[in-house]
Amino acid sequence: MHTPGRSRARRLGVPLAVAALAVAAVCTVAVIRPWGAAPPAAPATAADEGAGVAASSPPAPLVIDDDARVLVFGDSWVYGSAASEPTLGFAYLLAGELGVETVVDGVRGSGYLKPGIDGPAYGERIAQLDETLDPDVIIVEGSINDRRLYPTGYRDAVTSAWDALQTRYPDAEIVILGPAPQVLPVQRATRAIDSDLAELAAARGWWYVSPIAEDWITDVNYLDVIDTTDVGNDHPSTAGHAYLAGRLADDLERLEQQPAVAADAP
């Protein structure tokens, strides 16, 4: 079983040196694209005041074995947009952070409702995933791309996509990673999407990680994380992707350490 926190320190910022270390990690851990072949605190839950993670019945502890295959599915942030190379995106760097294999499936501009630049919306993309991929863990990220179409049909689209994903990979553990803000203050529709996803994940007994509730991106670190130039177009920079990979890995490791809750527990 994967040993949480065995080789990483808590991220306090986004120094460029982190990005350099991440490059080395990518070179030594398998990462593939499907089309190319004191105890630490838990992530926020709905029971916590002001948190964005709902959990009416806490999910079982997450299990990520050392030889796990982790599918990271999402939008341009998963694709690696604005990193100096897409393979320096946070979804790729997560492999080195956790010591696992990651399969990266990111389509720029896509969401549950919105088709992307080089692929359709989430539901249709899920239907196209390789049935033989057999991931142990699936992380579904995003998406801020739905904010201009929200709320009409949003919950139905999410439910349909998640049903299809669970049917395709019934043995995989699924973690939902909510949208992270590309601009500050966080847009109202983005907050609403975060809230809806948290509620829907809780109803299924899935873990939900909220970058908004956990303040991954704030006024203090915004310019260190987000590339606001015309090239970056409000996507994470190379250093920003490294930071996001660390934050997500921290949360996943904490979810591995959560105590199991008996069905009849109060």
C-alpha atoms as a PDB file:
ATOM      1  CA  MET A   1       0.000   0.000   0.000  1.00  0.00           C
ATOM      2  CA  HIS A   2       1.106   3.516  -0.754  1.00  0.00           C
ATOM      3  CA  THR A   3       2.703   5.121   2.305  1.00  0.00           C
ATOM      4  CA  PRO A   4       1.270   8.642   2.697  1.00  0.00           C
ATOM      5  CA  GLY A   5       3.745  11.485   3.078  1.00  0.00           C
ATOM      6  CA  ARG A   6       6.790   9.269   2.885  1.00  0.00           C
ATOM      7  CA  SER A   7       8.970  11.622   0.872  1.00  0.00           C
ATOM      8  CA  ARG A   8       7.327  15.030   0.614  1.00  0.00           C
ATOM      9  CA  ALA A   9       7.224  18.146   2.759  1.00  0.00           C
ATOM     10  CA  ARG A  10       4.193  20.403   3.055  1.00  0.00           C
ATOM     11  CA  ARG A  11       4.054  23.057   0.329  1.00  0.00           C
ATOM     12  CA  LEU A  12       4.237  26.595   1.689  1.00  0.00           C
ATOM     13  CA  GLY A  13       4.724  28.398  -1.634  1.00  0.00           C
ATOM     14  CA  VAL A  14       5.591  27.918  -5.273  1.00  0.00           C
ATOM     15  CA  PRO A  15       9.319  28.499  -5.727  1.00  0.00           C
ATOM     16  CA  LEU A  16      10.658  27.843  -9.172  1.00  0.00           C
ATOM     17  CA  ALA A  17      12.918  25.181  -7.715  1.00  0.00           C
ATOM     18  CA  VAL A  18       9.838  23.030  -7.173  1.00  0.00           C
ATOM     19  CA  ALA A  19       9.195  22.986 -10.878  1.00  0.00           C
ATOM     20  CA  ALA A  20      12.748  21.847 -11.546  1.00  0.00           C
ATOM     21  CA  LEU A  21      12.385  18.985  -9.094  1.00  0.00           C
ATOM     22  CA  ALA A  22       9.086  18.042 -10.702  1.00  0.00           C
ATOM     23  CA  VAL A  23      10.784  17.656 -14.086  1.00  0.00           C
ATOM     24  CA  ALA A  24      13.104  15.058 -12.623  1.00  0.00           C
ATOM     25  CA  ALA A  25      10.185  13.229 -11.076  1.00  0.00           C
ATOM     26  CA  VAL A  26       8.393  13.005 -14.413  1.00  0.00           C
ATOM     27  CA  CYS A  27      11.447  11.419 -15.982  1.00  0.00           C
ATOM     28  CA  THR A  28      11.478   8.557 -13.484  1.00  0.00           C
ATOM     29  CA  VAL A  29       7.792   7.697 -13.051  1.00  0.00           C
ATOM     30  CA  ALA A  30       5.554   6.220 -15.753  1.00  0.00           C
ATOM     31  CA  VAL A  31       3.038   8.667 -17.173  1.00  0.00           C
ATOM     32  CA  ILE A  32       0.946   8.008 -20.276  1.00  0.00           C
ATOM     33  CA  ARG A  33      -1.808   9.669 -22.256  1.00  0.00           C
ATOM     34  CA  PRO A  34      -4.664   7.312 -23.225  1.00  0.00           C
ATOM     35  CA  TRP A  35      -4.546   8.496 -26.794  1.00  0.00           C
ATOM     36  CA  GLY A  36      -0.800   7.862 -26.939  1.00  0.00           C
ATOM     37  CA  ALA A  37      -0.975   4.433 -25.754  1.00  0.00           C
ATOM     38  CA  ALA A  38       0.555  16.055  14.480  1.00  0.00           C
ATOM     39  CA  PRO A  39      -1.593  14.071  12.267  1.00  0.00           C
ATOM     40  CA  PRO A  40      -2.329  16.111   9.167  1.00  0.00           C
ATOM     41  CA  ALA A  41      -5.757  17.671   8.879  1.00  0.00           C
ATOM     42  CA  ALA A  42      -8.222  16.161   6.420  1.00  0.00           C
ATOM     43  CA  PRO A  43      -9.378  18.060   3.342  1.00  0.00           C
ATOM     44  CA  ALA A  44     -12.401  20.216   4.118  1.00  0.00           C
ATOM     45  CA  THR A  45     -15.760  18.477   4.501  1.00  0.00           C
ATOM     46  CA  ALA A  46     -19.287  19.796   4.600  1.00  0.00           C
ATOM     47  CA  ALA A  47     -19.310  19.208   8.329  1.00  0.00           C
ATOM     48  CA  ASP A  48     -16.594  21.844   8.664  1.00  0.00           C
ATOM     49  CA  GLU A  49     -17.803  25.406   8.931  1.00  0.00           C
ATOM     50  CA  GLY A  50     -17.635  27.197   5.600  1.00  0.00           C
ATOM     51  CA  ALA A  51     -16.147  24.190   3.789  1.00  0.00           C
ATOM     52  CA  GLY A  52     -16.903  23.159   0.202  1.00  0.00           C
ATOM     53  CA  VAL A  53     -16.741  19.366   0.622  1.00  0.00           C
ATOM     54  CA  ALA A  54     -20.003  17.616   1.369  1.00  0.00           C
ATOM     55  CA  ALA A  55     -20.065  14.279   3.165  1.00  0.00           C
ATOM     56  CA  SER A  56     -23.338  13.171   4.748  1.00  0.00           C
ATOM     57  CA  SER A  57     -21.775   9.737   5.220  1.00  0.00           C
ATOM     58  CA  PRO A  58     -17.962   9.822   5.067  1.00  0.00           C
ATOM     59  CA  PRO A  59     -16.502   7.655   2.284  1.00  0.00           C
ATOM     60  CA  ALA A  60     -14.186   4.796   3.107  1.00  0.00           C
ATOM     61  CA  PRO A  61     -10.483   5.681   3.334  1.00  0.00           C
ATOM     62  CA  LEU A  62      -8.915   6.114  -0.074  1.00  0.00           C
ATOM     63  CA  VAL A  63      -6.490   3.364  -1.113  1.00  0.00           C
ATOM     64  CA  ILE A  64      -3.653   4.169  -3.526  1.00  0.00           C
ATOM     65  CA  ASP A  65      -1.222   1.293  -3.832  1.00  0.00           C
ATOM     66  CA  ASP A  66       2.371   1.825  -4.923  1.00  0.00           C
ATOM     67  CA  ASP A  67       1.654   0.219  -8.288  1.00  0.00           C
ATOM     68  CA  ALA A  68      -1.676   2.013  -8.781  1.00  0.00           C
ATOM     69  CA  ARG A  69      -2.807   3.350 -12.107  1.00  0.00           C
ATOM     70  CA  VAL A  70      -4.479   6.733 -11.622  1.00  0.00           C
ATOM     71  CA  LEU A  71      -6.614   8.231 -14.382  1.00  0.00           C
ATOM     72  CA  VAL A  72      -6.681  12.043 -14.198  1.00  0.00           C
ATOM     73  CA  PHE A  73      -9.559  13.306 -16.321  1.00  0.00           C
ATOM     74  CA  GLY A  74     -10.489  16.928 -16.904  1.00  0.00           C
ATOM     75  CA  ASP A  75     -10.019  20.122 -18.864  1.00  0.00           C
ATOM     76  CA  SER A  76      -7.107  22.353 -19.901  1.00  0.00           C
ATOM     77  CA  TRP A  77      -5.668  22.358 -16.382  1.00  0.00           C
ATOM     78  CA  VAL A  78      -5.319  18.574 -16.658  1.00  0.00           C
ATOM     79  CA  TYR A  79      -4.003  18.946 -20.211  1.00  0.00           C
ATOM     80  CA  GLY A  80      -1.150  21.068 -18.863  1.00  0.00           C
ATOM     81  CA  SER A  81      -2.012  24.364 -20.570  1.00  0.00           C
ATOM     82  CA  ALA A  82       0.431  27.235 -19.915  1.00  0.00           C
ATOM     83  CA  ALA A  83       3.139  24.950 -18.539  1.00  0.00           C
ATOM     84  CA  SER A  84       6.337  25.239 -20.552  1.00  0.00           C
ATOM     85  CA  GLU A  85       5.565  21.686 -21.704  1.00  0.00           C
ATOM     86  CA  PRO A  86       2.159  20.002 -21.242  1.00  0.00           C
ATOM     87  CA  THR A  87       3.900  17.113 -19.493  1.00  0.00           C
ATOM     88  CA  LEU A  88       4.847  19.548 -16.731  1.00  0.00           C
ATOM     89  CA  GLY A  89       1.148  19.938 -15.953  1.00  0.00           C
ATOM     90  CA  PHE A  90      -0.065  18.979 -12.493  1.00  0.00           C
ATOM     91  CA  ALA A  91      -1.715  15.758 -13.672  1.00  0.00           C
ATOM     92  CA  TYR A  92       1.616  14.458 -14.945  1.00  0.00           C
ATOM     93  CA  LEU A  93       3.566  15.661 -11.920  1.00  0.00           C
ATOM     94  CA  LEU A  94       1.134  13.849  -9.630  1.00  0.00           C
ATOM     95  CA  ALA A  95       2.813  10.613 -10.695  1.00  0.00           C
ATOM     96  CA  GLY A  96       6.080  11.655  -9.106  1.00  0.00           C
ATOM     97  CA  GLU A  97       4.336  13.117  -6.074  1.00  0.00           C
ATOM     98  CA  LEU A  98       2.573   9.851  -5.249  1.00  0.00           C
ATOM     99  CA  GLY A  99       4.937   7.339  -6.830  1.00  0.00           C
ATOM    100  CA  VAL A 100       2.270   5.922  -9.138  1.00  0.00           C
ATOM    101  CA  GLU A 101       1.435   5.764 -12.846  1.00  0.00           C
ATOM    102  CA  THR A 102      -0.891   8.467 -14.103  1.00  0.00           C
ATOM    103  CA  VAL A 103      -2.986   8.333 -17.250  1.00  0.00           C
ATOM    104  CA  VAL A 104      -3.722  11.897 -18.316  1.00  0.00           C
ATOM    105  CA  ASP A 105      -6.874  12.760 -20.259  1.00  0.00           C
ATOM    106  CA  GLY A 106      -7.309  16.518 -20.486  1.00  0.00           C
ATOM    107  CA  VAL A 107      -9.191  18.369 -23.215  1.00  0.00           C
ATOM    108  CA  ARG A 108      -8.842  22.128 -23.416  1.00  0.00           C
ATOM    109  CA  GLY A 109     -12.070  24.071 -23.030  1.00  0.00           C
ATOM    110  CA  SER A 110     -14.210  21.081 -22.105  1.00  0.00           C
ATOM    111  CA  GLY A 111     -16.649  20.623 -19.245  1.00  0.00           C
ATOM    112  CA  TYR A 112     -19.723  18.637 -18.305  1.00  0.00           C
ATOM    113  CA  LEU A 113     -21.834  20.862 -20.571  1.00  0.00           C
ATOM    114  CA  LYS A 114     -19.274  22.469 -22.861  1.00  0.00           C
ATOM    115  CA  PRO A 115     -17.429  20.723 -25.705  1.00  0.00           C
ATOM    116  CA  GLY A 116     -13.706  21.432 -25.823  1.00  0.00           C
ATOM    117  CA  ILE A 117     -11.252  22.698 -28.402  1.00  0.00           C
ATOM    118  CA  ASP A 118      -9.978  19.237 -29.297  1.00  0.00           C
ATOM    119  CA  GLY A 119     -12.671  16.971 -27.888  1.00  0.00           C
ATOM    120  CA  PRO A 120     -16.307  16.785 -26.793  1.00  0.00           C
ATOM    121  CA  ALA A 121     -17.887  17.384 -23.370  1.00  0.00           C
ATOM    122  CA  TYR A 122     -17.159  15.102 -20.430  1.00  0.00           C
ATOM    123  CA  GLY A 123     -19.989  12.619 -20.959  1.00  0.00           C
ATOM    124  CA  GLU A 124     -19.079  11.862 -24.558  1.00  0.00           C
ATOM    125  CA  ARG A 125     -15.388  11.706 -23.686  1.00  0.00           C
ATOM    126  CA  ILE A 126     -16.086   9.184 -20.946  1.00  0.00           C
ATOM    127  CA  ALA A 127     -17.958   7.027 -23.449  1.00  0.00           C
ATOM    128  CA  GLN A 128     -14.807   7.043 -25.604  1.00  0.00           C
ATOM    129  CA  LEU A 129     -12.416   5.948 -22.845  1.00  0.00           C
ATOM    130  CA  ASP A 130     -10.616   2.634 -23.311  1.00  0.00           C
ATOM    131  CA  GLU A 131     -12.590  -0.042 -21.466  1.00  0.00           C
ATOM    132  CA  THR A 132      -9.387  -2.019 -20.884  1.00  0.00           C
ATOM    133  CA  LEU A 133      -7.620   0.867 -19.131  1.00  0.00           C
ATOM    134  CA  ASP A 134      -8.634  -0.533 -15.730  1.00  0.00           C
ATOM    135  CA  PRO A 135      -7.603   2.377 -13.467  1.00  0.00           C
ATOM    136  CA  ASP A 136      -7.381   1.816  -9.725  1.00  0.00           C
ATOM    137  CA  VAL A 137      -8.222   5.442  -8.947  1.00  0.00           C
ATOM    138  CA  ILE A 138      -9.945   8.102 -11.068  1.00  0.00           C
ATOM    139  CA  ILE A 139      -9.636  11.821 -10.403  1.00  0.00           C
ATOM    140  CA  VAL A 140     -12.226  13.911 -12.250  1.00  0.00           C
ATOM    141  CA  GLU A 141     -11.277  17.600 -12.308  1.00  0.00           C
ATOM    142  CA  GLY A 142     -13.206  20.776 -13.107  1.00  0.00           C
ATOM    143  CA  SER A 143     -14.649  22.540 -14.735  1.00  0.00           C
ATOM    144  CA  ILE A 144     -14.749  26.323 -14.852  1.00  0.00           C
ATOM    145  CA  ASN A 145     -15.587  25.970 -18.559  1.00  0.00           C
ATOM    146  CA  ASP A 146     -19.227  25.304 -17.636  1.00  0.00           C
ATOM    147  CA  ARG A 147     -19.683  28.590 -15.801  1.00  0.00           C
ATOM    148  CA  ARG A 148     -21.299  30.439 -18.719  1.00  0.00           C
ATOM    149  CA  LEU A 149     -23.758  27.591 -19.414  1.00  0.00           C
ATOM    150  CA  TYR A 150     -24.601  26.868 -15.780  1.00  0.00           C
ATOM    151  CA  PRO A 151     -27.107  25.986 -14.325  1.00  0.00           C
ATOM    152  CA  THR A 152     -29.379  24.724 -17.122  1.00  0.00           C
ATOM    153  CA  GLY A 153     -28.920  20.962 -17.420  1.00  0.00           C
ATOM    154  CA  TYR A 154     -25.792  20.978 -15.272  1.00  0.00           C
ATOM    155  CA  ARG A 155     -26.733  18.458 -12.593  1.00  0.00           C
ATOM    156  CA  ASP A 156     -28.188  16.095 -15.174  1.00  0.00           C
ATOM    157  CA  ALA A 157     -24.997  16.275 -17.230  1.00  0.00           C
ATOM    158  CA  VAL A 158     -22.835  15.578 -14.172  1.00  0.00           C
ATOM    159  CA  THR A 159     -25.025  12.688 -13.061  1.00  0.00           C
ATOM    160  CA  SER A 160     -25.011  11.131 -16.528  1.00  0.00           C
ATOM    161  CA  ALA A 161     -21.238  11.472 -16.879  1.00  0.00           C
ATOM    162  CA  TRP A 162     -20.555   9.997 -13.448  1.00  0.00           C
ATOM    163  CA  ASP A 163     -22.977   7.115 -14.060  1.00  0.00           C
ATOM    164  CA  ALA A 164     -21.143   6.299 -17.280  1.00  0.00           C
ATOM    165  CA  LEU A 165     -17.749   6.502 -15.575  1.00  0.00           C
ATOM    166  CA  GLN A 166     -18.815   4.202 -12.753  1.00  0.00           C
ATOM    167  CA  THR A 167     -20.301   1.721 -15.235  1.00  0.00           C
ATOM    168  CA  ARG A 168     -17.162   1.701 -17.367  1.00  0.00           C
ATOM    169  CA  TYR A 169     -14.774   1.264 -14.422  1.00  0.00           C
ATOM    170  CA  PRO A 170     -16.832  -0.292 -11.597  1.00  0.00           C
ATOM    171  CA  ASP A 171     -13.820  -1.284  -9.497  1.00  0.00           C
ATOM    172  CA  ALA A 172     -12.096   2.116  -9.522  1.00  0.00           C
ATOM    173  CA  GLU A 173     -12.121   4.509  -6.594  1.00  0.00           C
ATOM    174  CA  ILE A 174     -13.317   7.917  -7.722  1.00  0.00           C
ATOM    175  CA  VAL A 175     -12.265  11.303  -6.350  1.00  0.00           C
ATOM    176  CA  ILE A 176     -13.883  14.488  -7.624  1.00  0.00           C
ATOM    177  CA  LEU A 177     -11.611  17.532  -7.806  1.00  0.00           C
ATOM    178  CA  GLY A 178     -13.650  20.709  -7.988  1.00  0.00           C
ATOM    179  CA  PRO A 179     -12.817  23.755 -10.097  1.00  0.00           C
ATOM    180  CA  ALA A 180      -9.971  26.027  -9.079  1.00  0.00           C
ATOM    181  CA  PRO A 181     -10.364  29.755  -9.698  1.00  0.00           C
ATOM    182  CA  GLN A 182      -8.671  31.206 -12.756  1.00  0.00           C
ATOM    183  CA  VAL A 183      -9.475  34.730 -11.565  1.00  0.00           C
ATOM    184  CA  LEU A 184     -10.077  36.368  -8.198  1.00  0.00           C
ATOM    185  CA  PRO A 185     -12.456  36.986  -6.617  1.00  0.00           C
ATOM    186  CA  VAL A 186     -13.939  33.571  -7.401  1.00  0.00           C
ATOM    187  CA  GLN A 187     -16.787  33.979  -9.848  1.00  0.00           C
ATOM    188  CA  ARG A 188     -20.291  33.291  -8.562  1.00  0.00           C
ATOM    189  CA  ALA A 189     -21.004  30.540 -11.102  1.00  0.00           C
ATOM    190  CA  THR A 190     -17.716  28.816 -10.234  1.00  0.00           C
ATOM    191  CA  ARG A 191     -18.685  28.781  -6.543  1.00  0.00           C
ATOM    192  CA  ALA A 192     -22.087  27.359  -7.444  1.00  0.00           C
ATOM    193  CA  ILE A 193     -20.493  24.627  -9.553  1.00  0.00           C
ATOM    194  CA  ASP A 194     -18.198  23.782  -6.639  1.00  0.00           C
ATOM    195  CA  SER A 195     -21.186  23.499  -4.315  1.00  0.00           C
ATOM    196  CA  ASP A 196     -23.199  21.331  -6.730  1.00  0.00           C
ATOM    197  CA  LEU A 197     -20.310  18.944  -7.350  1.00  0.00           C
ATOM    198  CA  ALA A 198     -19.657  18.592  -3.619  1.00  0.00           C
ATOM    199  CA  GLU A 199     -23.291  17.732  -2.971  1.00  0.00           C
ATOM    200  CA  LEU A 200     -23.530  15.256  -5.831  1.00  0.00           C
ATOM    201  CA  ALA A 201     -20.273  13.546  -4.843  1.00  0.00           C
ATOM    202  CA  ALA A 202     -21.451  13.220  -1.242  1.00  0.00           C
ATOM    203  CA  ALA A 203     -24.666  11.564  -2.394  1.00  0.00           C
ATOM    204  CA  ARG A 204     -22.543   8.825  -3.986  1.00  0.00           C
ATOM    205  CA  GLY A 205     -20.159   8.464  -1.070  1.00  0.00           C
ATOM    206  CA  TRP A 206     -17.249   9.814  -3.147  1.00  0.00           C
ATOM    207  CA  TRP A 207     -14.459  11.996  -1.849  1.00  0.00           C
ATOM    208  CA  TYR A 208     -14.596  15.600  -2.981  1.00  0.00           C
ATOM    209  CA  VAL A 209     -11.625  17.964  -2.927  1.00  0.00           C
ATOM    210  CA  SER A 210     -12.399  21.674  -3.183  1.00  0.00           C
ATOM    211  CA  PRO A 211      -9.515  23.994  -4.132  1.00  0.00           C
ATOM    212  CA  ILE A 212     -11.905  26.883  -3.458  1.00  0.00           C
ATOM    213  CA  ALA A 213     -12.823  25.830   0.088  1.00  0.00           C
ATOM    214  CA  GLU A 214      -9.189  25.044   0.871  1.00  0.00           C
ATOM    215  CA  ASP A 215      -7.890  28.364  -0.512  1.00  0.00           C
ATOM    216  CA  TRP A 216      -5.391  26.809  -2.880  1.00  0.00           C
ATOM    217  CA  ILE A 217      -5.288  30.081  -4.825  1.00  0.00           C
ATOM    218  CA  THR A 218      -5.521  33.381  -2.966  1.00  0.00           C
ATOM    219  CA  ASP A 219      -4.546  37.005  -3.402  1.00  0.00           C
ATOM    220  CA  VAL A 220      -1.246  36.146  -1.731  1.00  0.00           C
ATOM    221  CA  ASN A 221      -0.097  33.501  -4.220  1.00  0.00           C
ATOM    222  CA  TYR A 222      -2.258  34.214  -7.281  1.00  0.00           C
ATOM    223  CA  LEU A 223       0.512  35.620  -9.487  1.00  0.00           C
ATOM    224  CA  ASP A 224       2.842  32.782  -8.466  1.00  0.00           C
ATOM    225  CA  VAL A 225       0.286  30.181  -9.552  1.00  0.00           C
ATOM    226  CA  ILE A 226      -1.557  31.723 -12.500  1.00  0.00           C
ATOM    227  CA  ASP A 227       0.018  32.943 -15.743  1.00  0.00           C
ATOM    228  CA  THR A 228      -2.012  36.035 -16.631  1.00  0.00           C
ATOM    229  CA  THR A 229      -0.159  36.822 -19.859  1.00  0.00           C
ATOM    230  CA  ASP A 230      -1.744  36.361 -23.274  1.00  0.00           C
ATOM    231  CA  VAL A 231       0.183  33.108 -23.598  1.00  0.00           C
ATOM    232  CA  GLY A 232      -0.968  31.781 -20.227  1.00  0.00           C
ATOM    233  CA  ASN A 233      -4.515  33.100 -20.539  1.00  0.00           C
ATOM    234  CA  ASP A 234      -5.189  32.669 -16.805  1.00  0.00           C
ATOM    235  CA  HIS A 235      -3.941  29.082 -16.607  1.00  0.00           C
ATOM    236  CA  PRO A 236      -1.395  27.753 -14.106  1.00  0.00           C
ATOM    237  CA  SER A 237       2.220  28.518 -14.912  1.00  0.00           C
ATOM    238  CA  THR A 238       4.869  25.792 -14.840  1.00  0.00           C
ATOM    239  CA  ALA A 239       5.550  26.603 -11.187  1.00  0.00           C
ATOM    240  CA  GLY A 240       1.806  26.834 -10.589  1.00  0.00           C
ATOM    241  CA  HIS A 241       1.238  23.324 -11.934  1.00  0.00           C
ATOM    242  CA  ALA A 242       3.962  22.007  -9.624  1.00  0.00           C
ATOM    243  CA  TYR A 243       2.240  23.712  -6.696  1.00  0.00           C
ATOM    244  CA  LEU A 244      -1.158  22.261  -7.631  1.00  0.00           C
ATOM    245  CA  ALA A 245       0.321  18.767  -7.927  1.00  0.00           C
ATOM    246  CA  GLY A 246       1.698  19.108  -4.416  1.00  0.00           C
ATOM    247  CA  ARG A 247      -1.569  20.383  -2.967  1.00  0.00           C
ATOM    248  CA  LEU A 248      -3.575  17.592  -4.586  1.00  0.00           C
ATOM    249  CA  ALA A 249      -1.083  14.927  -3.493  1.00  0.00           C
ATOM    250  CA  ASP A 250      -1.282  16.263   0.075  1.00  0.00           C
ATOM    251  CA  ASP A 251      -5.072  15.918   0.026  1.00  0.00           C
ATOM    252  CA  LEU A 252      -5.016  12.434  -1.484  1.00  0.00           C
ATOM    253  CA  GLU A 253      -2.553  11.272   1.140  1.00  0.00           C
ATOM    254  CA  ARG A 254      -4.788  12.662   3.868  1.00  0.00           C
ATOM    255  CA  LEU A 255      -7.760  10.820   2.429  1.00  0.00           C
ATOM    256  CA  GLU A 256      -5.727   7.620   2.718  1.00  0.00           C
ATOM    257  CA  GLN A 257      -5.363   8.295   6.428  1.00  0.00           C
ATOM    258  CA  GLN A 258      -9.032   8.914   7.199  1.00  0.00           C
ATOM    259  CA  PRO A 259     -10.472   6.405   9.700  1.00  0.00           C
ATOM    260  CA  ALA A 260     -13.098   4.020   8.437  1.00  0.00           C
ATOM    261  CA  VAL A 261     -16.603   4.770   9.739  1.00  0.00           C
ATOM    262  CA  ALA A 262     -18.946   1.907  10.641  1.00  0.00           C
ATOM    263  CA  ALA A 263     -22.332   1.933   8.949  1.00  0.00           C
ATOM    264  CA  ASP A 264     -24.102   2.186  12.308  1.00  0.00           C
ATOM    265  CA  ALA A 265     -21.771   4.847  13.712  1.00  0.00           C
ATOM    266  CA  PRO A 266     -23.483   8.005  14.998  1.00  0.00           C
END
